[in-house]
Amino acid sequence: MATTPIVVGIDLGTSTSEIGYLKNGKPVLIPDPNTGSPIIPSVVALAPTGEVLIGTPAKRMLLSFPDRVVAEAKRAMGSPTMFTIADQHLRPQEIAAHLLRYLKQIAEDHLQQPISEAVVTVPANFTDAQRQATKDAGELAGFRVERMINEPTAAALAYGLDHVDAEETVLVFDLGGGTLDVTLLDMFSGVLEARTTAGDVALGGKDFDDAIVGWLIDRFKQSAGIDLRASADPKVSGRLKDAAETAKKELSGTMSTSISLPFLAIGAGGTPVGLEETLSRAEFDRLTQSLVERCRAPVMKALAAAKLTPAGIDKVLLVGGSTRIPAVKELIRSIFGKLWPTEVNPDEAVALGAAVQAGLKTQTGLGITFTDICAHSLGIEAIVSGRYGVVPGAMSVILEKNKTVPCSNMESYSTVSDDQPVVRIAVYQGEEPLAKDNKLLAEFEIDDLPIMEAGEVD
């Protein structure tokens, strides 16, 4: 008997990644055989033996061989950034492909069958280039990327599967390791309908870690007179980052934490000098106050786009490990006047939702569907006349942000000069009024236009 193909769902995160599938109508995450946990650090390393290490073994190498390790590559997706591991130079999608290839292998070993198709999550505010780079990574890993789904929508799917009869307006606040997404959805009769999205693709747990690292460096300079910012030793940076991440997590459950890093530097006379500090939650809150406050604007922007006030939200889902930070929770409480009980695992919700979406392709009777939206406006560069006069190089929007996808629209444009033989079409993505300030997606030309006066050819 032929085995029914299984489509997997993957949360490809900045800090951690997970893979799952739908089993008997319920999403299940697959554990890493090395640790027994489904939560796998998004870290890739090249051991001195030449072996590629993924996840926890790779993360351990940050302290001993930091020049052979790459973490948090997701932030560079869609950019020309190159990462160096030993003597290899890799694009962000190639780093991601190593991670995805490992996830594919553990899924095949667990399920005892080949896996060729996947649903992969992306931040709602990823650009087209970032989405394409993610798809490329999946294909390099041997997947056919059946669909990409926005991370907050995936989290809402995980919640909605157990609340198919609910009629609610839900706001998903997803603060992960590298990005913040805020998406507002309506739920009714098993349908999840995304309405608006906003976010910050440069705000996440990594930035909270960096704030602690900066504080440790300043304290060490005060106590030992040594400026670690001038250190070229990547092991020092790795130890500081590891200590900062641990301290951040501990401060979600305690009011203070001790940080001990012996033999961190060499002092006068060649004497080893260590770092011993106590970081209070109050000091951590002070260090990260501006980061927490940056979380407010996307929430308010999403509400404004939906023409809602905080009182119009029935539930807020906190997703992503960084929502465990007490100050972040207090921000949500200050906006909405309350916190809701935790109904989804912050670390697993996105992956569970991706597994639900993957299962929708092969399983029926789940009683849930969803619609997603465009995170960015799409348009072309044009000469536009309006209340401010003629604006050359303006962004002429054809598909507005927050349109339900799939969607289409048509606009008419005319030539601007007599006997114009060619029209250049430049397609952009973004919200800025001038096209050049948005992201260029593609350019093409229409030639052999008929010889006619300006405005007569469209």
Protein backbone atom coordinates (compact mmCIF):
# COMPACT_ATOMS: atom_id res chain seq x y z
CA MET A 1 0.00 0.00 0.00
CA ALA A 2 1.32 3.41 -0.96
CA THR A 3 2.09 5.75 1.93
CA THR A 4 0.06 8.95 2.02
CA PRO A 5 2.43 11.89 1.47
CA ILE A 6 2.85 14.14 4.48
CA VAL A 7 3.28 17.90 4.17
CA VAL A 8 5.23 19.39 7.07
CA GLY A 9 5.00 22.84 8.63
CA ILE A 10 8.17 24.70 9.60
CA ASP A 11 8.76 27.73 11.78
CA LEU A 12 12.11 29.02 10.53
CA GLY A 13 12.92 31.41 13.36
CA THR A 14 15.72 33.83 14.09
CA SER A 15 16.64 32.15 17.38
CA THR A 16 14.95 28.76 17.17
CA SER A 17 13.17 26.62 14.58
CA GLU A 18 10.63 23.78 14.76
CA ILE A 19 9.03 21.30 12.38
CA GLY A 20 5.67 19.55 12.72
CA TYR A 21 2.82 17.81 10.96
CA LEU A 22 -0.86 17.13 11.45
CA LYS A 23 -1.67 13.78 13.07
CA ASN A 24 -5.30 12.73 13.50
CA GLY A 25 -6.41 16.34 13.16
CA LYS A 26 -3.95 17.68 15.75
CA PRO A 27 -0.61 19.43 15.13
CA VAL A 28 2.44 17.58 16.46
CA LEU A 29 6.00 18.89 16.66
CA ILE A 30 8.88 16.51 15.98
CA PRO A 31 11.61 16.38 18.65
CA ASP A 32 15.28 16.74 17.91
CA PRO A 33 16.77 13.27 18.57
CA ASN A 34 19.85 14.93 20.12
CA THR A 35 17.90 16.73 22.84
CA GLY A 36 14.37 15.35 22.89
CA SER A 37 13.02 18.89 22.44
CA PRO A 38 11.23 20.17 19.32
CA ILE A 39 12.81 23.60 19.83
CA ILE A 40 16.05 23.68 17.84
CA PRO A 41 18.47 26.64 17.97
CA SER A 42 18.76 28.27 14.54
CA VAL A 43 22.53 27.92 14.60
CA VAL A 44 24.83 26.38 11.98
CA ALA A 45 28.48 25.50 12.60
CA LEU A 46 31.36 23.86 10.79
CA ALA A 47 33.37 21.65 13.15
CA PRO A 48 37.18 21.46 12.79
CA THR A 49 36.61 17.95 11.43
CA GLY A 50 34.59 19.44 8.54
CA GLU A 51 31.26 18.16 9.88
CA VAL A 52 28.29 20.55 9.62
CA LEU A 53 26.57 20.88 13.00
CA ILE A 54 23.04 22.16 13.50
CA GLY A 55 21.11 23.31 16.55
CA THR A 56 22.34 22.64 20.09
CA PRO A 57 25.75 21.15 19.12
CA ALA A 58 26.36 24.17 16.88
CA LYS A 59 25.33 26.61 19.61
CA ARG A 60 27.83 25.01 22.03
CA MET A 61 30.60 25.85 19.57
CA LEU A 62 29.89 29.58 19.97
CA LEU A 63 32.07 29.55 23.09
CA SER A 64 34.98 27.53 21.69
CA PHE A 65 35.02 28.15 17.92
CA PRO A 66 32.93 31.31 17.32
CA ASP A 67 34.53 31.88 13.91
CA ARG A 68 32.97 28.59 12.77
CA VAL A 69 29.42 29.45 13.86
CA VAL A 70 26.58 31.48 12.33
CA ALA A 71 23.48 32.42 14.33
CA GLU A 72 20.54 34.73 13.61
CA ALA A 73 21.07 34.60 9.84
CA LYS A 74 17.34 35.16 9.30
CA ARG A 75 17.72 38.91 9.78
CA ALA A 76 19.90 39.03 6.68
CA MET A 77 17.51 37.09 4.42
CA GLY A 78 17.00 38.84 1.10
CA SER A 79 20.12 40.96 1.50
CA PRO A 80 23.56 40.67 -0.16
CA THR A 81 25.14 39.84 3.23
CA MET A 82 27.66 36.98 3.19
CA PHE A 83 28.52 34.87 6.24
CA THR A 84 31.94 33.35 6.74
CA ILE A 85 32.32 29.95 8.42
CA ALA A 86 35.99 29.02 8.59
CA ASP A 87 36.98 29.46 4.92
CA GLN A 88 33.47 29.19 3.46
CA HIS A 89 31.43 32.20 2.35
CA LEU A 90 27.67 31.56 2.41
CA ARG A 91 24.54 33.58 1.63
CA PRO A 92 21.80 33.79 4.28
CA GLN A 93 19.60 31.37 2.32
CA GLU A 94 22.44 28.85 2.21
CA ILE A 95 22.77 29.04 6.00
CA ALA A 96 19.00 28.59 6.29
CA ALA A 97 19.15 25.66 3.85
CA HIS A 98 21.53 23.79 6.19
CA LEU A 99 19.02 24.22 9.00
CA LEU A 100 16.05 23.23 6.84
CA ARG A 101 17.92 20.19 5.54
CA TYR A 102 18.43 19.06 9.14
CA LEU A 103 14.74 19.58 9.95
CA LYS A 104 13.85 17.56 6.87
CA GLN A 105 16.11 14.71 7.98
CA ILE A 106 14.69 14.45 11.50
CA ALA A 107 11.15 14.53 10.07
CA GLU A 108 11.93 11.73 7.62
CA ASP A 109 13.56 9.66 10.36
CA HIS A 110 10.62 10.24 12.69
CA LEU A 111 7.91 9.53 10.11
CA GLN A 112 9.83 6.82 8.28
CA GLN A 113 9.03 8.22 4.86
CA PRO A 114 10.41 10.80 2.43
CA ILE A 115 9.23 14.38 2.90
CA SER A 116 9.24 16.62 -0.14
CA GLU A 117 6.71 19.37 0.60
CA ALA A 118 6.58 22.03 3.30
CA VAL A 119 4.76 25.10 4.52
CA VAL A 120 7.28 27.63 5.89
CA THR A 121 6.44 30.61 8.08
CA VAL A 122 7.82 34.11 7.55
CA PRO A 123 7.39 37.38 9.46
CA ALA A 124 4.28 39.20 8.25
CA ASN A 125 6.35 42.23 7.30
CA PHE A 126 8.97 40.39 5.27
CA THR A 127 9.49 41.94 1.84
CA ASP A 128 9.17 40.04 -1.42
CA ALA A 129 12.96 39.62 -1.54
CA GLN A 130 13.03 38.14 1.95
CA ARG A 131 10.17 35.77 1.12
CA GLN A 132 11.88 34.67 -2.09
CA ALA A 133 15.14 34.05 -0.21
CA THR A 134 13.22 31.90 2.29
CA LYS A 135 11.64 29.92 -0.54
CA ASP A 136 15.06 29.51 -2.17
CA ALA A 137 16.42 28.15 1.12
CA GLY A 138 13.64 25.57 1.25
CA GLU A 139 14.33 24.45 -2.30
CA LEU A 140 18.08 24.23 -1.63
CA ALA A 141 17.20 21.93 1.28
CA GLY A 142 15.18 19.65 -0.98
CA PHE A 143 11.69 20.91 -0.15
CA ARG A 144 8.98 22.05 -2.49
CA VAL A 145 7.75 25.06 -0.54
CA GLU A 146 4.00 24.57 -0.99
CA ARG A 147 3.16 27.82 0.74
CA MET A 148 4.58 30.51 2.95
CA ILE A 149 2.35 31.71 5.76
CA ASN A 150 2.74 34.80 7.93
CA GLU A 151 3.90 33.90 11.43
CA PRO A 152 1.10 35.65 13.37
CA THR A 153 -1.52 34.04 11.13
CA ALA A 154 0.07 30.65 11.81
CA ALA A 155 -0.11 31.27 15.55
CA ALA A 156 -3.77 32.24 15.22
CA LEU A 157 -4.40 28.99 13.31
CA ALA A 158 -2.96 27.01 16.22
CA TYR A 159 -5.30 28.85 18.57
CA GLY A 160 -8.27 28.70 16.20
CA LEU A 161 -8.13 24.93 15.74
CA ASP A 162 -9.35 24.56 19.34
CA HIS A 163 -11.79 27.49 19.07
CA VAL A 164 -13.52 26.91 15.73
CA ASP A 165 -16.85 28.16 17.08
CA ALA A 166 -15.45 31.37 18.55
CA GLU A 167 -16.49 34.77 17.23
CA GLU A 168 -13.69 37.08 18.27
CA THR A 169 -11.45 39.86 17.10
CA VAL A 170 -7.95 38.67 17.98
CA LEU A 171 -4.68 40.58 18.00
CA VAL A 172 -1.54 38.44 17.68
CA PHE A 173 1.52 40.07 19.21
CA ASP A 174 4.51 38.06 18.00
CA LEU A 175 7.86 39.15 19.43
CA GLY A 176 10.49 36.57 18.49
CA GLY A 177 14.25 36.51 18.45
CA GLY A 178 14.62 38.91 15.56
CA THR A 179 11.30 40.45 14.53
CA LEU A 180 8.05 41.88 15.87
CA ASP A 181 4.77 41.25 14.06
CA VAL A 182 1.34 42.50 15.08
CA THR A 183 -1.61 41.09 13.15
CA LEU A 184 -5.30 41.66 13.76
CA LEU A 185 -7.75 38.92 12.76
CA ASP A 186 -11.49 38.26 12.89
CA MET A 187 -12.63 34.76 13.84
CA PHE A 188 -16.09 33.44 12.99
CA SER A 189 -17.54 30.03 12.07
CA GLY A 190 -14.13 28.42 11.70
CA VAL A 191 -12.79 31.23 9.49
CA LEU A 192 -9.73 33.30 10.40
CA GLU A 193 -9.72 36.52 8.40
CA ALA A 194 -6.63 38.72 8.71
CA ARG A 195 -7.49 42.44 8.65
CA THR A 196 -4.31 44.41 9.28
CA THR A 197 -0.66 43.86 10.04
CA ALA A 198 2.21 46.01 11.27
CA GLY A 199 5.59 45.30 12.72
CA ASP A 200 9.30 45.95 13.10
CA VAL A 201 11.68 43.61 11.25
CA ALA A 202 14.63 44.86 13.32
CA LEU A 203 13.25 44.33 16.83
CA GLY A 204 13.43 41.10 18.80
CA GLY A 205 15.04 39.19 21.64
CA LYS A 206 18.46 39.68 20.06
CA ASP A 207 18.21 43.41 20.77
CA PHE A 208 17.41 42.77 24.44
CA ASP A 209 20.48 40.52 24.61
CA ASP A 210 22.61 43.24 23.01
CA ALA A 211 21.44 45.74 25.65
CA ILE A 212 22.72 43.44 28.41
CA VAL A 213 26.00 42.87 26.55
CA GLY A 214 26.53 46.63 26.34
CA TRP A 215 25.87 46.96 30.08
CA LEU A 216 28.34 44.16 30.90
CA ILE A 217 31.02 45.78 28.77
CA ASP A 218 30.50 49.13 30.51
CA ARG A 219 30.58 47.54 33.98
CA PHE A 220 33.76 45.60 33.17
CA LYS A 221 35.46 48.75 31.94
CA GLN A 222 34.55 50.50 35.19
CA SER A 223 35.74 47.66 37.43
CA ALA A 224 38.74 46.32 35.52
CA GLY A 225 39.69 49.27 33.32
CA ILE A 226 39.55 47.08 30.22
CA ASP A 227 37.42 48.02 27.22
CA LEU A 228 36.07 44.77 25.77
CA ARG A 229 34.73 46.67 22.74
CA ALA A 230 38.33 46.90 21.59
CA SER A 231 38.81 43.14 21.91
CA ALA A 232 39.25 41.27 18.65
CA ASP A 233 38.69 37.91 20.34
CA PRO A 234 35.38 36.46 19.08
CA LYS A 235 35.32 34.08 22.07
CA VAL A 236 34.83 37.07 24.37
CA SER A 237 31.85 38.24 22.31
CA GLY A 238 30.42 34.73 22.32
CA ARG A 239 30.69 34.38 26.10
CA LEU A 240 29.11 37.80 26.67
CA LYS A 241 26.21 37.03 24.35
CA ASP A 242 25.60 33.62 25.91
CA ALA A 243 25.62 35.13 29.41
CA ALA A 244 23.28 37.92 28.33
CA GLU A 245 20.74 35.54 26.83
CA THR A 246 20.77 33.40 29.98
CA ALA A 247 20.34 36.46 32.21
CA LYS A 248 17.42 37.74 30.11
CA LYS A 249 15.58 34.45 30.44
CA GLU A 250 16.23 34.20 34.18
CA LEU A 251 14.92 37.73 34.76
CA SER A 252 11.52 36.66 33.42
CA GLY A 253 11.09 34.62 36.60
CA THR A 254 13.34 36.29 39.19
CA MET A 255 14.05 39.84 40.36
CA SER A 256 17.82 39.56 39.92
CA THR A 257 20.43 37.25 38.44
CA SER A 258 24.16 36.73 38.86
CA ILE A 259 26.52 36.78 35.88
CA SER A 260 29.92 35.16 36.30
CA LEU A 261 32.52 35.06 33.52
CA PRO A 262 35.94 34.06 34.88
CA PHE A 263 39.14 34.64 32.87
CA LEU A 264 37.40 37.06 30.52
CA ALA A 265 40.46 39.19 29.79
CA ILE A 266 44.12 39.66 30.68
CA GLY A 267 44.89 42.55 32.98
CA ALA A 268 48.06 44.37 33.94
CA GLY A 269 51.03 42.07 34.40
CA GLY A 270 49.32 39.27 32.52
CA THR A 271 46.87 38.52 35.31
CA PRO A 272 43.54 36.97 34.22
CA VAL A 273 40.51 39.14 35.08
CA GLY A 274 36.94 37.87 35.39
CA LEU A 275 33.54 39.53 35.43
CA GLU A 276 31.16 39.20 38.37
CA GLU A 277 27.92 41.20 38.22
CA THR A 278 24.38 41.10 39.53
CA LEU A 279 21.71 42.35 37.13
CA SER A 280 18.36 43.30 38.63
CA ARG A 281 15.11 43.24 36.74
CA ALA A 282 14.74 46.96 37.44
CA GLU A 283 18.10 47.65 35.76
CA PHE A 284 17.21 45.35 32.86
CA ASP A 285 13.94 47.25 32.41
CA ARG A 286 15.87 50.53 32.37
CA LEU A 287 18.33 49.20 29.79
CA THR A 288 15.56 47.97 27.50
CA GLN A 289 12.93 50.66 28.08
CA SER A 290 13.31 52.08 24.57
CA LEU A 291 13.02 48.60 23.02
CA VAL A 292 9.82 47.87 24.93
CA GLU A 293 8.39 51.23 23.93
CA ARG A 294 9.15 50.48 20.26
CA CYS A 295 6.64 47.63 20.57
CA ARG A 296 3.82 50.12 21.11
CA ALA A 297 3.81 51.77 17.68
CA PRO A 298 3.04 48.60 15.62
CA VAL A 299 0.14 47.76 17.96
CA MET A 300 -1.37 51.19 17.59
CA LYS A 301 -0.74 51.20 13.83
CA ALA A 302 -2.56 47.87 13.40
CA LEU A 303 -5.51 49.10 15.47
CA ALA A 304 -5.70 52.38 13.52
CA ALA A 305 -5.62 50.57 10.17
CA ALA A 306 -8.57 48.45 11.31
CA LYS A 307 -10.36 51.53 12.69
CA LEU A 308 -10.47 49.93 16.14
CA THR A 309 -9.60 50.99 19.66
CA PRO A 310 -8.07 48.63 22.25
CA ALA A 311 -11.59 48.10 23.61
CA GLY A 312 -12.55 46.49 20.29
CA ILE A 313 -10.13 43.58 20.79
CA ASP A 314 -11.58 40.43 22.36
CA LYS A 315 -8.25 38.68 22.92
CA VAL A 316 -4.52 39.27 22.61
CA LEU A 317 -2.31 36.25 21.90
CA LEU A 318 1.28 36.67 23.04
CA VAL A 319 3.58 34.67 20.76
CA GLY A 320 7.37 34.36 20.65
CA GLY A 321 9.75 33.74 23.51
CA SER A 322 10.43 37.44 24.04
CA THR A 323 6.82 38.00 25.17
CA ARG A 324 7.86 36.33 28.44
CA ILE A 325 9.75 39.53 29.35
CA PRO A 326 7.68 41.09 32.17
CA ALA A 327 8.03 44.64 30.81
CA VAL A 328 6.62 43.52 27.46
CA LYS A 329 3.62 42.00 29.21
CA GLU A 330 3.13 45.21 31.17
CA LEU A 331 3.14 47.19 27.92
CA ILE A 332 0.31 45.02 26.60
CA ARG A 333 -1.55 45.46 29.89
CA SER A 334 -1.12 49.23 29.69
CA ILE A 335 -2.61 49.31 26.18
CA PHE A 336 -5.51 46.89 26.64
CA GLY A 337 -6.14 47.17 30.38
CA LYS A 338 -5.61 43.44 30.98
CA LEU A 339 -3.65 40.33 30.10
CA TRP A 340 -5.39 37.23 28.80
CA PRO A 341 -4.63 33.68 30.00
CA THR A 342 -1.94 31.93 27.97
CA GLU A 343 -3.73 29.62 25.52
CA VAL A 344 -0.86 28.94 23.11
CA ASN A 345 2.75 28.03 23.83
CA PRO A 346 4.72 31.17 22.90
CA ASP A 347 7.65 29.12 21.58
CA GLU A 348 5.62 26.55 19.63
CA ALA A 349 2.46 28.33 18.42
CA VAL A 350 3.85 29.42 15.04
CA ALA A 351 5.18 25.95 14.22
CA LEU A 352 1.93 24.32 15.36
CA GLY A 353 -0.02 26.67 13.09
CA ALA A 354 2.29 25.89 10.19
CA ALA A 355 1.58 22.19 10.80
CA VAL A 356 -2.17 22.91 10.70
CA GLN A 357 -1.81 24.75 7.39
CA ALA A 358 0.34 21.92 6.02
CA GLY A 359 -2.30 19.39 7.06
CA LEU A 360 -5.11 21.34 5.39
CA LYS A 361 -3.69 20.25 2.05
CA THR A 362 -4.10 16.52 2.70
CA GLN A 363 -6.70 16.26 5.48
CA THR A 364 -10.35 17.31 5.45
CA GLY A 365 -12.93 17.98 8.10
CA LEU A 366 -10.78 20.24 10.28
CA GLY A 367 -13.44 22.95 10.22
CA ILE A 368 -11.02 25.83 9.88
CA THR A 369 -9.84 28.06 7.03
CA PHE A 370 -8.03 31.39 6.86
CA THR A 371 -7.35 34.36 4.67
CA ASP A 372 -4.12 36.36 4.75
CA ILE A 373 -3.23 39.86 3.64
CA CYS A 374 -0.58 41.86 1.78
CA ALA A 375 1.90 43.22 4.28
CA HIS A 376 3.08 45.96 1.89
CA SER A 377 1.55 48.08 -0.85
CA LEU A 378 2.55 47.28 -4.45
CA GLY A 379 2.75 49.89 -7.17
CA ILE A 380 4.78 51.45 -9.96
CA GLU A 381 6.85 54.58 -10.44
CA ALA A 382 4.80 57.17 -12.27
CA ILE A 383 4.32 60.89 -12.85
CA VAL A 384 1.29 61.76 -10.75
CA SER A 385 -0.81 64.93 -10.74
CA GLY A 386 -2.61 65.83 -7.55
CA ARG A 387 -3.23 68.48 -4.93
CA TYR A 388 0.51 69.12 -4.67
CA GLY A 389 0.97 69.48 -8.41
CA VAL A 390 2.88 67.15 -10.70
CA VAL A 391 5.09 64.70 -8.80
CA PRO A 392 7.62 62.83 -10.97
CA GLY A 393 8.81 59.49 -9.61
CA ALA A 394 5.79 59.08 -7.35
CA MET A 395 4.69 55.71 -5.98
CA SER A 396 1.41 54.96 -7.75
CA VAL A 397 -0.17 52.24 -5.59
CA ILE A 398 -2.07 49.50 -7.42
CA LEU A 399 -2.56 47.00 -4.60
CA GLU A 400 -2.89 48.57 -1.16
CA LYS A 401 -1.41 47.18 2.03
CA ASN A 402 -3.77 44.90 4.01
CA LYS A 403 -5.61 43.69 0.91
CA THR A 404 -6.80 40.11 1.27
CA VAL A 405 -4.74 37.72 -0.87
CA PRO A 406 -5.02 36.47 -3.50
CA CYS A 407 -6.07 39.78 -5.03
CA SER A 408 -5.78 41.75 -8.27
CA ASN A 409 -6.43 45.25 -9.55
CA MET A 410 -6.12 47.23 -12.78
CA GLU A 411 -5.06 50.83 -13.32
CA SER A 412 -4.66 52.78 -16.57
CA TYR A 413 -1.56 54.84 -17.38
CA SER A 414 -0.74 57.00 -20.42
CA THR A 415 2.35 58.21 -22.20
CA VAL A 416 3.76 61.55 -21.05
CA SER A 417 5.42 62.84 -24.22
CA ASP A 418 4.61 63.03 -27.92
CA ASP A 419 5.79 60.13 -30.08
CA GLN A 420 7.02 58.24 -27.00
CA PRO A 421 8.38 54.90 -28.29
CA VAL A 422 9.03 53.10 -24.97
CA VAL A 423 7.55 52.93 -21.47
CA ARG A 424 9.65 51.67 -18.59
CA ILE A 425 7.65 49.96 -15.83
CA ALA A 426 9.32 49.79 -12.40
CA VAL A 427 7.43 47.80 -9.76
CA TYR A 428 7.96 48.74 -6.11
CA GLN A 429 6.87 47.50 -2.69
CA GLY A 430 6.38 49.84 0.25
CA GLU A 431 4.50 52.77 1.72
CA GLU A 432 6.72 55.76 0.92
CA PRO A 433 5.26 58.45 -1.39
CA LEU A 434 8.33 58.46 -3.67
CA ALA A 435 8.99 55.21 -5.52
CA LYS A 436 12.77 55.39 -5.04
CA ASP A 437 12.29 55.20 -1.26
CA ASN A 438 10.54 51.83 -1.57
CA LYS A 439 11.86 48.37 -2.46
CA LEU A 440 12.36 47.82 -6.20
CA LEU A 441 10.98 44.40 -7.18
CA ALA A 442 11.27 44.36 -10.98
CA GLU A 443 11.71 46.49 -14.09
CA PHE A 444 10.63 45.90 -17.67
CA GLU A 445 9.93 47.87 -20.85
CA ILE A 446 7.05 48.06 -23.30
CA ASP A 447 8.38 49.15 -26.70
CA ASP A 448 7.13 49.69 -30.24
CA LEU A 449 4.40 52.05 -29.03
CA PRO A 450 2.34 53.72 -31.78
CA ILE A 451 3.45 57.21 -32.76
CA MET A 452 0.84 59.41 -31.11
CA GLU A 453 0.57 62.52 -28.96
CA ALA A 454 1.15 62.42 -25.23
CA GLY A 455 -1.71 60.87 -23.27
CA GLU A 456 -3.23 59.10 -26.28
CA VAL A 457 -1.47 55.77 -25.68
CA ASP A 458 -2.52 53.78 -22.61
